Structures are given as C-alpha cells and as structure tokens.
Amino acid sequence: MTTKHANAKHKPFGIQLQAHQVVVRPLLTEKGIHRASRNNQYAFEVHPNATKDDVRSAIEELFNVKVTRVATQNKHGKSRRFRNRVTPARPWKKAIVTLHSEHRLDFF
C-alpha cells in the first residue's frame, strides 16, 4: 500500500462541518467561569461528530485566538421526569478549550 504522506492524519468520511456548525454554544457555568479566570479554559457545547481538530480550528477561526489544548467529553442523555412521564434528554458533546496565555475570551 502506498500513501502520499506517511504521517498524514486521516479524516473520517462523512459530513464536513463549518466553524459555526462545530460550536453550538458556550457553557457559562460557575465552574466554567472559575476555570476561565484561573486556567484560561473555556467550555463549549460542540457538534457530536466534531473532532478535537475541528474544535481547535473552529475556535481559532471564530474568536481569533490561539488554542493550546482541547479536551472533549461525551455526555449521555439522562432521563428527565415531569409528572408521570419519563423522557430521555439528548446526548451531547462538551469541549474544554485551553487558550494561549496571551489570549482571553469575553462573553460578558
């Protein structure tokens, strides 16, 4: 088997996401605000099919910052109760993005 580049990263086949499609919304929680002020880390809800590289390029493109690290978590949908009904909440993906020390994001 011959490939063009031996160390090339392979992108899985499927949909190609634009930057505004990758980032769904920022997560503004008490813990997230603490992380932002102390560690320069910001949390976002991202598209479930987005990879770490997709998240990195989307954040850099949308906010004009330098990203040093991306960590992702898949959150399962917990069941929610309302009166006699039990319905599942949808699963979602969370990304915690660490920015370079020179860059900041202001959501307020």
Protein backbone atom coordinates (compact mmCIF):
# COMPACT_ATOMS: atom_id res chain seq x y z
CA MET A 1 0.00 0.00 0.00
CA THR A 2 1.32 3.35 -0.97
CA THR A 3 0.21 6.63 0.54
CA LYS A 4 1.19 10.18 -0.30
CA HIS A 5 2.16 11.07 3.26
CA ALA A 6 3.24 8.51 5.81
CA ASN A 7 2.26 10.63 8.81
CA ALA A 8 -0.90 12.16 7.34
CA LYS A 9 -3.93 12.24 9.62
CA HIS A 10 -6.91 10.52 8.11
CA LYS A 11 -10.20 12.40 8.25
CA PRO A 12 -13.19 10.07 8.55
CA PHE A 13 -15.68 10.17 5.73
CA GLY A 14 -18.92 11.96 6.41
CA ILE A 15 -20.13 15.48 6.77
CA GLN A 16 -17.73 18.39 6.68
CA LEU A 17 -18.66 20.94 9.34
CA GLN A 18 -18.18 24.69 9.04
CA ALA A 19 -16.80 26.61 12.03
CA HIS A 20 -20.18 27.99 13.02
CA GLN A 21 -21.65 24.46 12.90
CA VAL A 22 -18.98 22.94 15.18
CA VAL A 23 -19.54 25.26 18.16
CA VAL A 24 -23.16 25.05 19.32
CA ARG A 25 -22.92 27.38 22.34
CA PRO A 26 -20.57 28.41 25.13
CA LEU A 27 -21.26 26.84 28.52
CA LEU A 28 -21.41 29.61 31.12
CA THR A 29 -21.48 27.88 34.49
CA GLU A 30 -19.97 28.75 37.84
CA LYS A 31 -17.30 26.10 37.39
CA GLY A 32 -16.60 27.29 33.84
CA ILE A 33 -16.18 30.91 34.90
CA HIS A 34 -13.77 29.76 37.63
CA ARG A 35 -11.76 27.78 35.03
CA ALA A 36 -11.70 30.78 32.70
CA SER A 37 -10.35 33.14 35.33
CA ARG A 38 -7.76 30.76 36.79
CA ASN A 39 -6.67 28.42 33.98
CA ASN A 40 -7.73 30.26 30.81
CA GLN A 41 -10.00 27.31 29.90
CA TYR A 42 -13.41 27.72 28.29
CA ALA A 43 -16.19 25.15 27.87
CA PHE A 44 -18.38 24.81 24.78
CA GLU A 45 -21.13 22.50 23.64
CA VAL A 46 -19.98 21.18 20.27
CA HIS A 47 -21.44 19.08 17.46
CA PRO A 48 -21.38 15.35 18.36
CA ASN A 49 -19.42 14.46 15.20
CA ALA A 50 -16.76 17.17 15.68
CA THR A 51 -13.20 16.02 16.37
CA LYS A 52 -10.64 17.81 18.54
CA ASP A 53 -9.01 19.23 15.40
CA ASP A 54 -12.39 20.53 14.20
CA VAL A 55 -12.99 22.22 17.56
CA ARG A 56 -9.49 23.75 17.59
CA SER A 57 -9.80 25.23 14.10
CA ALA A 58 -13.37 26.47 14.72
CA ILE A 59 -12.45 28.30 17.96
CA GLU A 60 -9.36 29.84 16.35
CA GLU A 61 -11.39 30.97 13.34
CA LEU A 62 -14.43 32.30 15.22
CA PHE A 63 -12.67 34.11 18.08
CA ASN A 64 -9.20 34.89 16.57
CA VAL A 65 -7.28 33.24 19.43
CA LYS A 66 -4.52 30.62 19.75
CA VAL A 67 -5.68 27.27 21.19
CA THR A 68 -3.10 25.16 23.02
CA ARG A 69 -5.22 22.19 24.14
CA VAL A 70 -8.66 20.66 23.54
CA ALA A 71 -10.33 18.04 25.75
CA THR A 72 -13.68 16.52 24.81
CA GLN A 73 -16.33 14.66 26.79
CA ASN A 74 -19.38 12.77 25.56
CA LYS A 75 -22.31 13.34 27.91
CA HIS A 76 -25.03 10.70 27.90
CA GLY A 77 -28.68 11.72 27.99
CA LYS A 78 -30.10 11.35 31.49
CA SER A 79 -33.77 10.58 31.98
CA ARG A 80 -35.93 13.53 32.98
CA ARG A 81 -39.25 13.27 34.84
CA PHE A 82 -42.27 15.50 34.56
CA ARG A 83 -45.34 14.31 36.43
CA ASN A 84 -45.99 10.76 35.20
CA ARG A 85 -43.73 10.88 32.16
CA VAL A 86 -40.08 9.91 31.91
CA THR A 87 -38.29 11.17 28.81
CA PRO A 88 -34.62 10.89 27.91
CA ALA A 89 -32.59 14.05 27.45
CA ARG A 90 -30.48 14.09 24.32
CA PRO A 91 -26.80 13.11 24.50
CA TRP A 92 -24.33 15.91 23.75
CA LYS A 93 -20.61 16.62 23.47
CA LYS A 94 -18.62 19.06 25.59
CA ALA A 95 -15.24 20.56 24.70
CA ILE A 96 -12.91 22.27 27.17
CA VAL A 97 -10.55 24.55 25.27
CA THR A 98 -7.32 25.88 26.79
CA LEU A 99 -6.10 29.11 25.23
CA HIS A 100 -2.60 30.51 24.96
CA SER A 101 -1.72 32.75 27.93
CA GLU A 102 -1.84 35.90 25.77
CA HIS A 103 -5.46 35.34 24.66
CA ARG A 104 -8.78 35.73 26.51
CA LEU A 105 -12.46 35.40 25.61
CA ASP A 106 -15.01 37.88 26.94
CA PHE A 107 -18.57 36.57 26.99
CA PHE A 108 -19.95 39.30 29.23
